[in-house]
């Protein structure tokens, strides 16, 4: 249930991951467009996947020059990570 001081959006209704992510070592996400919900998904995985070593994100678009994808790629390294061993690739 969202806190009263948070905006009522699809994302704020999610306060914990629906399953345990601490065992994940490798994650592949295909069809990335660079939108905020995808960034929030990556943020959740980074936050809870303490064993994560590799995350590969594959763009849906053939060109990675899309402004949204560029901004998405710039935000990835700034996200806090539970695992110090994680490598992230945006293709």
N, C-alpha and C. Protein backbone atom coordinates (compact mmCIF):
# COMPACT_ATOMS: atom_id res chain seq x y z
N UNK A 1 0.85 -1.18 0.00
CA UNK A 1 0.00 0.00 0.00
C UNK A 1 0.89 1.24 0.00
N UNK A 2 0.65 2.19 -0.90
CA UNK A 2 1.50 3.37 -0.97
C UNK A 2 1.34 4.28 0.24
N UNK A 3 2.43 4.94 0.59
CA UNK A 3 2.34 5.92 1.67
C UNK A 3 1.55 7.11 1.17
N UNK A 4 0.91 7.84 2.09
CA UNK A 4 0.07 8.96 1.69
C UNK A 4 0.86 10.12 1.10
N UNK A 5 2.16 10.22 1.43
CA UNK A 5 2.95 11.33 0.90
C UNK A 5 3.58 11.01 -0.46
N UNK A 6 3.33 9.81 -0.99
CA UNK A 6 3.88 9.42 -2.29
C UNK A 6 2.80 9.56 -3.36
N UNK A 7 3.19 9.92 -4.58
CA UNK A 7 2.20 10.01 -5.65
C UNK A 7 1.63 8.62 -5.95
N UNK A 8 0.35 8.58 -6.29
CA UNK A 8 -0.30 7.31 -6.59
C UNK A 8 -0.02 6.92 -8.04
N UNK A 9 1.05 6.21 -8.25
CA UNK A 9 1.40 5.75 -9.58
C UNK A 9 1.58 4.25 -9.56
N UNK A 10 1.69 3.68 -10.71
CA UNK A 10 1.89 2.23 -10.82
C UNK A 10 3.12 1.80 -10.04
N UNK A 11 4.19 2.58 -10.12
CA UNK A 11 5.44 2.18 -9.48
C UNK A 11 5.37 2.24 -7.96
N UNK A 12 4.77 3.26 -7.40
CA UNK A 12 4.79 3.41 -5.94
C UNK A 12 3.96 2.35 -5.24
N UNK A 13 3.12 1.63 -5.96
CA UNK A 13 2.37 0.54 -5.35
C UNK A 13 3.24 -0.68 -5.10
N UNK A 14 4.40 -0.72 -5.71
CA UNK A 14 5.32 -1.84 -5.53
C UNK A 14 6.32 -1.45 -4.46
N UNK A 15 6.23 -2.05 -3.29
CA UNK A 15 7.13 -1.68 -2.21
C UNK A 15 8.18 -2.74 -1.92
N UNK A 16 8.05 -3.92 -2.49
CA UNK A 16 9.05 -4.97 -2.34
C UNK A 16 8.95 -5.87 -3.56
N UNK A 17 10.01 -6.60 -3.86
CA UNK A 17 9.92 -7.49 -5.02
C UNK A 17 8.98 -8.66 -4.72
N UNK A 18 8.23 -9.13 -5.71
CA UNK A 18 7.27 -10.20 -5.49
C UNK A 18 7.93 -11.57 -5.24
N UNK A 19 9.22 -11.67 -5.47
CA UNK A 19 9.93 -12.91 -5.21
C UNK A 19 11.34 -12.57 -4.72
N UNK A 20 12.01 -13.55 -4.19
CA UNK A 20 13.37 -13.31 -3.71
C UNK A 20 14.33 -13.19 -4.89
N UNK A 21 15.17 -12.19 -4.86
CA UNK A 21 16.12 -11.95 -5.95
C UNK A 21 17.55 -12.19 -5.51
N UNK A 22 17.76 -12.53 -4.25
CA UNK A 22 19.12 -12.62 -3.73
C UNK A 22 19.96 -13.73 -4.34
N UNK A 23 19.35 -14.69 -5.01
CA UNK A 23 20.08 -15.81 -5.61
C UNK A 23 20.51 -15.56 -7.05
N UNK A 24 20.02 -14.50 -7.68
CA UNK A 24 20.32 -14.23 -9.09
C UNK A 24 21.80 -13.93 -9.31
N UNK A 25 22.39 -14.59 -10.30
CA UNK A 25 23.78 -14.33 -10.67
C UNK A 25 23.88 -13.63 -12.02
N UNK A 26 22.92 -13.89 -12.89
CA UNK A 26 22.93 -13.31 -14.23
C UNK A 26 21.50 -12.98 -14.64
N UNK A 27 21.33 -11.81 -15.27
CA UNK A 27 20.01 -11.37 -15.72
C UNK A 27 20.14 -10.83 -17.13
N UNK A 28 19.20 -11.24 -18.00
CA UNK A 28 19.10 -10.68 -19.35
C UNK A 28 17.72 -10.08 -19.51
N UNK A 29 17.68 -8.84 -20.00
CA UNK A 29 16.41 -8.17 -20.26
C UNK A 29 16.43 -7.78 -21.73
N UNK A 30 15.46 -8.26 -22.47
CA UNK A 30 15.37 -7.97 -23.91
C UNK A 30 14.23 -7.00 -24.17
N UNK A 31 14.38 -6.19 -25.21
CA UNK A 31 13.33 -5.27 -25.60
C UNK A 31 13.32 -3.97 -24.82
N UNK A 32 14.46 -3.55 -24.33
CA UNK A 32 14.56 -2.32 -23.53
C UNK A 32 14.32 -1.10 -24.43
N UNK A 33 13.43 -0.22 -23.97
CA UNK A 33 13.14 1.02 -24.68
C UNK A 33 13.75 2.23 -24.00
N UNK A 34 14.13 2.07 -22.73
CA UNK A 34 14.73 3.18 -21.99
C UNK A 34 13.73 3.97 -21.19
N UNK A 35 12.58 3.39 -20.86
CA UNK A 35 11.59 4.15 -20.09
C UNK A 35 11.80 3.98 -18.59
N UNK A 36 11.07 4.76 -17.81
CA UNK A 36 11.26 4.83 -16.36
C UNK A 36 10.92 3.51 -15.67
N UNK A 37 9.91 2.79 -16.15
CA UNK A 37 9.55 1.53 -15.51
C UNK A 37 10.66 0.49 -15.67
N UNK A 38 11.35 0.52 -16.80
CA UNK A 38 12.49 -0.39 -16.99
C UNK A 38 13.64 -0.02 -16.06
N UNK A 39 13.86 1.27 -15.90
CA UNK A 39 14.91 1.72 -14.99
C UNK A 39 14.58 1.31 -13.56
N UNK A 40 13.32 1.41 -13.17
CA UNK A 40 12.91 1.00 -11.83
C UNK A 40 13.07 -0.51 -11.64
N UNK A 41 12.81 -1.29 -12.68
CA UNK A 41 13.02 -2.74 -12.60
C UNK A 41 14.49 -3.04 -12.36
N UNK A 42 15.36 -2.40 -13.12
CA UNK A 42 16.80 -2.59 -12.95
C UNK A 42 17.22 -2.16 -11.55
N UNK A 43 16.67 -1.06 -11.08
CA UNK A 43 16.98 -0.57 -9.74
C UNK A 43 16.59 -1.60 -8.67
N UNK A 44 15.42 -2.22 -8.82
CA UNK A 44 14.98 -3.26 -7.89
C UNK A 44 15.93 -4.46 -7.90
N UNK A 45 16.31 -4.89 -9.09
CA UNK A 45 17.22 -6.02 -9.21
C UNK A 45 18.55 -5.69 -8.57
N UNK A 46 19.09 -4.51 -8.87
CA UNK A 46 20.36 -4.10 -8.26
C UNK A 46 20.26 -4.06 -6.74
N UNK A 47 19.14 -3.62 -6.23
CA UNK A 47 18.97 -3.45 -4.79
C UNK A 47 18.91 -4.78 -4.04
N UNK A 48 18.27 -5.79 -4.63
CA UNK A 48 18.03 -7.04 -3.91
C UNK A 48 18.87 -8.23 -4.37
N UNK A 49 19.50 -8.15 -5.51
CA UNK A 49 20.27 -9.29 -6.03
C UNK A 49 21.72 -9.20 -5.54
N UNK A 50 21.96 -9.69 -4.35
CA UNK A 50 23.28 -9.56 -3.73
C UNK A 50 24.34 -10.43 -4.40
N UNK A 51 23.92 -11.48 -5.12
CA UNK A 51 24.87 -12.38 -5.79
C UNK A 51 25.05 -12.03 -7.27
N UNK A 52 24.41 -10.97 -7.73
CA UNK A 52 24.42 -10.62 -9.15
C UNK A 52 25.84 -10.33 -9.65
N UNK A 53 26.20 -10.96 -10.77
CA UNK A 53 27.51 -10.74 -11.38
C UNK A 53 27.41 -10.09 -12.75
N UNK A 54 26.31 -10.35 -13.47
CA UNK A 54 26.19 -9.82 -14.83
C UNK A 54 24.74 -9.47 -15.15
N UNK A 55 24.53 -8.27 -15.69
CA UNK A 55 23.22 -7.88 -16.19
C UNK A 55 23.39 -7.39 -17.62
N UNK A 56 22.68 -8.04 -18.53
CA UNK A 56 22.72 -7.66 -19.95
C UNK A 56 21.37 -7.10 -20.34
N UNK A 57 21.36 -5.92 -20.90
CA UNK A 57 20.14 -5.24 -21.32
C UNK A 57 20.22 -5.06 -22.83
N UNK A 58 19.24 -5.59 -23.54
CA UNK A 58 19.23 -5.53 -24.99
C UNK A 58 18.15 -4.58 -25.46
N UNK A 59 18.56 -3.58 -26.23
CA UNK A 59 17.66 -2.56 -26.74
C UNK A 59 16.72 -3.15 -27.79
N UNK A 60 15.48 -2.69 -27.79
CA UNK A 60 14.52 -3.09 -28.80
C UNK A 60 14.83 -2.39 -30.12
N UNK A 61 15.36 -1.21 -30.01
CA UNK A 61 15.65 -0.41 -31.20
C UNK A 61 17.02 -0.81 -31.76
N UNK A 62 17.15 -0.72 -33.06
CA UNK A 62 18.42 -1.07 -33.69
C UNK A 62 19.48 0.00 -33.42
N UNK A 63 19.06 1.22 -33.19
CA UNK A 63 19.99 2.31 -32.95
C UNK A 63 19.98 2.68 -31.47
N UNK A 64 21.16 2.72 -30.87
CA UNK A 64 21.26 3.13 -29.47
C UNK A 64 21.50 4.64 -29.36
N UNK A 65 21.23 5.38 -30.44
CA UNK A 65 21.37 6.84 -30.39
C UNK A 65 20.08 7.51 -29.95
N UNK A 66 19.03 6.75 -29.70
CA UNK A 66 17.78 7.30 -29.19
C UNK A 66 18.06 8.02 -27.88
N UNK A 67 17.53 9.23 -27.72
CA UNK A 67 17.79 10.04 -26.53
C UNK A 67 17.40 9.33 -25.24
N UNK A 68 16.27 8.62 -25.26
CA UNK A 68 15.84 7.90 -24.06
C UNK A 68 16.83 6.81 -23.68
N UNK A 69 17.32 6.08 -24.67
CA UNK A 69 18.29 5.02 -24.38
C UNK A 69 19.61 5.59 -23.88
N UNK A 70 20.02 6.71 -24.41
CA UNK A 70 21.25 7.35 -23.96
C UNK A 70 21.10 7.78 -22.50
N UNK A 71 19.98 8.41 -22.16
CA UNK A 71 19.73 8.83 -20.78
C UNK A 71 19.66 7.62 -19.86
N UNK A 72 19.01 6.56 -20.32
CA UNK A 72 18.90 5.31 -19.55
C UNK A 72 20.29 4.76 -19.27
N UNK A 73 21.12 4.70 -20.30
CA UNK A 73 22.49 4.19 -20.14
C UNK A 73 23.34 5.04 -19.21
N UNK A 74 23.11 6.34 -19.19
CA UNK A 74 23.85 7.23 -18.29
C UNK A 74 23.43 7.06 -16.84
N UNK A 75 22.18 6.68 -16.60
CA UNK A 75 21.68 6.51 -15.24
C UNK A 75 22.10 5.18 -14.63
N UNK A 76 22.33 4.17 -15.45
CA UNK A 76 22.67 2.84 -14.94
C UNK A 76 23.84 2.83 -13.95
N UNK A 77 24.97 3.47 -14.26
CA UNK A 77 26.10 3.41 -13.31
C UNK A 77 25.84 4.15 -12.00
N UNK A 78 24.85 5.01 -11.96
CA UNK A 78 24.58 5.79 -10.75
C UNK A 78 23.68 5.05 -9.76
N UNK A 79 23.07 3.95 -10.20
CA UNK A 79 22.16 3.21 -9.32
C UNK A 79 22.94 2.45 -8.25
N UNK A 80 22.45 2.45 -7.02
CA UNK A 80 23.12 1.68 -5.96
C UNK A 80 22.98 0.19 -6.22
N UNK A 81 24.03 -0.55 -5.90
CA UNK A 81 24.05 -1.99 -6.15
C UNK A 81 24.36 -2.76 -4.87
N UNK A 82 23.63 -3.86 -4.64
CA UNK A 82 23.88 -4.72 -3.49
C UNK A 82 25.11 -5.58 -3.72
N UNK A 83 25.41 -5.87 -4.97
CA UNK A 83 26.57 -6.69 -5.31
C UNK A 83 27.68 -5.81 -5.85
N UNK A 84 28.86 -5.96 -5.29
CA UNK A 84 30.01 -5.17 -5.78
C UNK A 84 30.63 -5.80 -7.02
N UNK A 85 30.20 -7.01 -7.40
CA UNK A 85 30.78 -7.73 -8.53
C UNK A 85 30.03 -7.55 -9.83
N UNK A 86 28.94 -6.80 -9.84
CA UNK A 86 28.07 -6.75 -11.02
C UNK A 86 28.68 -5.94 -12.16
N UNK A 87 28.56 -6.51 -13.37
CA UNK A 87 28.90 -5.82 -14.61
C UNK A 87 27.62 -5.63 -15.39
N UNK A 88 27.43 -4.44 -15.96
CA UNK A 88 26.20 -4.15 -16.69
C UNK A 88 26.53 -3.81 -18.12
N UNK A 89 25.75 -4.39 -19.04
CA UNK A 89 25.94 -4.16 -20.47
C UNK A 89 24.63 -3.73 -21.10
N UNK A 90 24.66 -2.62 -21.83
CA UNK A 90 23.49 -2.14 -22.57
C UNK A 90 23.84 -2.23 -24.04
N UNK A 91 23.14 -3.12 -24.74
CA UNK A 91 23.43 -3.36 -26.16
C UNK A 91 22.23 -2.99 -26.98
